[in-house]
Structures are given as structure tokens and as C-alpha cells.
Amino acid sequence: MPEVDRLWADCLAGTGPLAAWLAEDRPPETWSEPVPLHSVLASHPFPDLILWSIQATSSGS
């Protein structure tokens, strides 16, 4: 989807609606772009995102 590619390309450059939405740490229901958020996030450009986005909890927590 070219529109998703553009959203991610702009985001990686620090611009565009996805970068702004992420920077503001807004909840998913506030996403108002024409492309559904699940389509945007499902096609993220980071093949190992799951490995670094889920932080391991310490044994003390």
C-alpha cells in the first residue's frame, strides 16, 4: 500500500501524521487518517520490532 509506505517513510524522517501521533503518545482511537491504524501498524518497517518493543521485566517486579 503506497499510502502506508508514505506514512512510514515520513515517520522515519520525523515528519507526517504518524510521527506526530507517536510523539504525542496518543491512544489508538485518536488516529484520524484515512488509512486504518491497524493497516499502518501491521506493516511497520521493522522486522524485529517484537524483539525490542516488548521489554523484559526484572525478577524484582
N, C-alpha and C. Protein backbone atom coordinates (compact mmCIF):
# COMPACT_ATOMS: atom_id res chain seq x y z
N MET A 1 0.84 -1.18 0.00
CA MET A 1 0.00 0.00 0.00
C MET A 1 0.89 1.25 0.00
N PRO A 2 0.90 1.97 -1.08
CA PRO A 2 1.76 3.16 -1.17
C PRO A 2 1.47 4.21 -0.10
N GLU A 3 0.21 4.34 0.31
CA GLU A 3 -0.11 5.34 1.33
C GLU A 3 0.49 4.95 2.69
N VAL A 4 0.57 3.67 2.96
CA VAL A 4 1.21 3.21 4.20
C VAL A 4 2.72 3.41 4.11
N ASP A 5 3.29 3.09 2.96
CA ASP A 5 4.73 3.31 2.76
C ASP A 5 5.08 4.77 2.99
N ARG A 6 4.23 5.68 2.50
CA ARG A 6 4.48 7.11 2.65
C ARG A 6 4.39 7.51 4.12
N LEU A 7 3.39 7.00 4.83
CA LEU A 7 3.26 7.31 6.26
C LEU A 7 4.52 6.90 7.01
N TRP A 8 5.03 5.69 6.73
CA TRP A 8 6.22 5.22 7.43
C TRP A 8 7.47 5.96 6.99
N ALA A 9 7.61 6.24 5.69
CA ALA A 9 8.78 6.99 5.22
C ALA A 9 8.83 8.36 5.89
N ASP A 10 7.70 9.03 5.94
CA ASP A 10 7.64 10.34 6.60
C ASP A 10 7.95 10.20 8.09
N CYS A 11 7.38 9.18 8.72
CA CYS A 11 7.60 8.97 10.15
C CYS A 11 9.08 8.75 10.45
N LEU A 12 9.72 7.93 9.65
CA LEU A 12 11.14 7.65 9.86
C LEU A 12 12.00 8.90 9.65
N ALA A 13 11.48 9.84 8.87
CA ALA A 13 12.16 11.13 8.67
C ALA A 13 11.78 12.14 9.75
N GLY A 14 10.88 11.73 10.66
CA GLY A 14 10.46 12.61 11.74
C GLY A 14 9.37 13.58 11.38
N THR A 15 8.65 13.29 10.30
CA THR A 15 7.57 14.18 9.86
C THR A 15 6.29 13.39 9.63
N GLY A 16 5.23 14.09 9.34
CA GLY A 16 3.98 13.45 8.96
C GLY A 16 3.09 13.09 10.13
N PRO A 17 1.88 12.64 9.81
CA PRO A 17 0.88 12.37 10.84
C PRO A 17 1.25 11.20 11.76
N LEU A 18 1.90 10.19 11.25
CA LEU A 18 2.27 9.06 12.11
C LEU A 18 3.33 9.49 13.12
N ALA A 19 4.32 10.24 12.70
CA ALA A 19 5.35 10.73 13.63
C ALA A 19 4.72 11.61 14.70
N ALA A 20 3.81 12.47 14.32
CA ALA A 20 3.15 13.35 15.29
C ALA A 20 2.31 12.55 16.26
N TRP A 21 1.56 11.58 15.75
CA TRP A 21 0.71 10.75 16.59
C TRP A 21 1.55 9.96 17.60
N LEU A 22 2.65 9.38 17.15
CA LEU A 22 3.53 8.63 18.04
C LEU A 22 4.20 9.53 19.07
N ALA A 23 4.65 10.70 18.63
CA ALA A 23 5.34 11.63 19.53
C ALA A 23 4.41 12.12 20.65
N GLU A 24 3.14 12.25 20.34
CA GLU A 24 2.17 12.72 21.33
C GLU A 24 1.66 11.59 22.22
N ASP A 25 2.08 10.36 21.92
CA ASP A 25 1.69 9.19 22.72
C ASP A 25 0.17 9.12 22.88
N ARG A 26 -0.51 9.31 21.75
CA ARG A 26 -1.97 9.35 21.78
C ARG A 26 -2.55 7.94 21.71
N PRO A 27 -3.74 7.73 22.24
CA PRO A 27 -4.38 6.40 22.19
C PRO A 27 -4.83 6.06 20.77
N PRO A 28 -4.97 4.78 20.47
CA PRO A 28 -5.34 4.35 19.11
C PRO A 28 -6.62 4.98 18.58
N GLU A 29 -7.61 5.21 19.44
CA GLU A 29 -8.88 5.75 18.95
C GLU A 29 -8.78 7.19 18.46
N THR A 30 -7.65 7.85 18.68
CA THR A 30 -7.49 9.23 18.20
C THR A 30 -6.90 9.29 16.80
N TRP A 31 -6.51 8.15 16.24
CA TRP A 31 -5.97 8.12 14.88
C TRP A 31 -7.07 8.52 13.91
N SER A 32 -6.84 9.55 13.11
CA SER A 32 -7.90 10.06 12.23
C SER A 32 -7.52 10.10 10.76
N GLU A 33 -6.43 9.44 10.40
CA GLU A 33 -6.02 9.41 8.99
C GLU A 33 -6.90 8.44 8.20
N PRO A 34 -6.95 8.60 6.87
CA PRO A 34 -7.79 7.73 6.04
C PRO A 34 -7.39 6.25 6.10
N VAL A 35 -6.10 5.98 6.26
CA VAL A 35 -5.64 4.60 6.35
C VAL A 35 -5.88 4.10 7.77
N PRO A 36 -6.57 2.98 7.95
CA PRO A 36 -6.82 2.48 9.30
C PRO A 36 -5.51 2.20 10.05
N LEU A 37 -5.50 2.49 11.33
CA LEU A 37 -4.30 2.34 12.14
C LEU A 37 -3.79 0.91 12.12
N HIS A 38 -4.69 -0.07 12.15
CA HIS A 38 -4.23 -1.46 12.14
C HIS A 38 -3.46 -1.78 10.86
N SER A 39 -3.82 -1.16 9.75
CA SER A 39 -3.09 -1.36 8.50
C SER A 39 -1.70 -0.72 8.57
N VAL A 40 -1.63 0.43 9.22
CA VAL A 40 -0.35 1.13 9.35
C VAL A 40 0.59 0.33 10.24
N LEU A 41 0.11 -0.09 11.39
CA LEU A 41 0.96 -0.78 12.35
C LEU A 41 1.30 -2.20 11.93
N ALA A 42 0.41 -2.84 11.19
CA ALA A 42 0.67 -4.20 10.73
C ALA A 42 1.78 -4.25 9.70
N SER A 43 2.07 -3.14 9.07
CA SER A 43 3.09 -3.12 8.02
C SER A 43 4.30 -2.28 8.41
N HIS A 44 4.60 -2.23 9.70
CA HIS A 44 5.74 -1.46 10.16
C HIS A 44 7.01 -1.96 9.47
N PRO A 45 7.99 -1.08 9.28
CA PRO A 45 9.20 -1.46 8.53
C PRO A 45 10.28 -2.12 9.39
N PHE A 46 9.94 -2.59 10.56
CA PHE A 46 10.94 -3.15 11.46
C PHE A 46 10.69 -4.65 11.64
N PRO A 47 11.42 -5.50 10.94
CA PRO A 47 11.14 -6.94 11.01
C PRO A 47 11.31 -7.52 12.41
N ASP A 48 12.15 -6.95 13.24
CA ASP A 48 12.37 -7.48 14.58
C ASP A 48 11.72 -6.60 15.65
N LEU A 49 10.68 -5.87 15.31
CA LEU A 49 10.04 -4.96 16.25
C LEU A 49 9.63 -5.67 17.54
N ILE A 50 9.10 -6.86 17.42
CA ILE A 50 8.63 -7.57 18.60
C ILE A 50 9.76 -7.81 19.60
N LEU A 51 10.98 -7.99 19.11
CA LEU A 51 12.10 -8.28 20.00
C LEU A 51 12.52 -7.09 20.85
N TRP A 52 12.38 -5.87 20.30
CA TRP A 52 12.83 -4.71 21.07
C TRP A 52 11.69 -3.85 21.59
N SER A 53 10.47 -4.16 21.23
CA SER A 53 9.37 -3.35 21.73
C SER A 53 8.76 -3.92 23.00
N ILE A 54 8.98 -5.18 23.28
CA ILE A 54 8.47 -5.78 24.50
C ILE A 54 9.64 -5.91 25.46
N GLN A 55 9.62 -5.08 26.47
CA GLN A 55 10.70 -5.06 27.43
C GLN A 55 10.53 -6.20 28.43
N ALA A 56 11.63 -6.87 28.69
CA ALA A 56 11.60 -7.93 29.71
C ALA A 56 11.44 -7.30 31.07
N THR A 57 10.68 -7.93 31.92
CA THR A 57 10.50 -7.39 33.27
C THR A 57 11.60 -7.97 34.17
N SER A 58 11.98 -7.21 35.13
CA SER A 58 13.01 -7.68 36.05
C SER A 58 12.44 -8.70 37.01
N SER A 59 13.30 -9.49 37.61
CA SER A 59 12.83 -10.50 38.55
C SER A 59 12.26 -9.87 39.81
N GLY A 60 12.59 -8.60 40.04
CA GLY A 60 12.09 -7.92 41.22
C GLY A 60 10.70 -7.31 41.05
N SER A 61 10.18 -7.35 39.84
CA SER A 61 8.86 -6.73 39.63
C SER A 61 7.74 -7.73 39.66
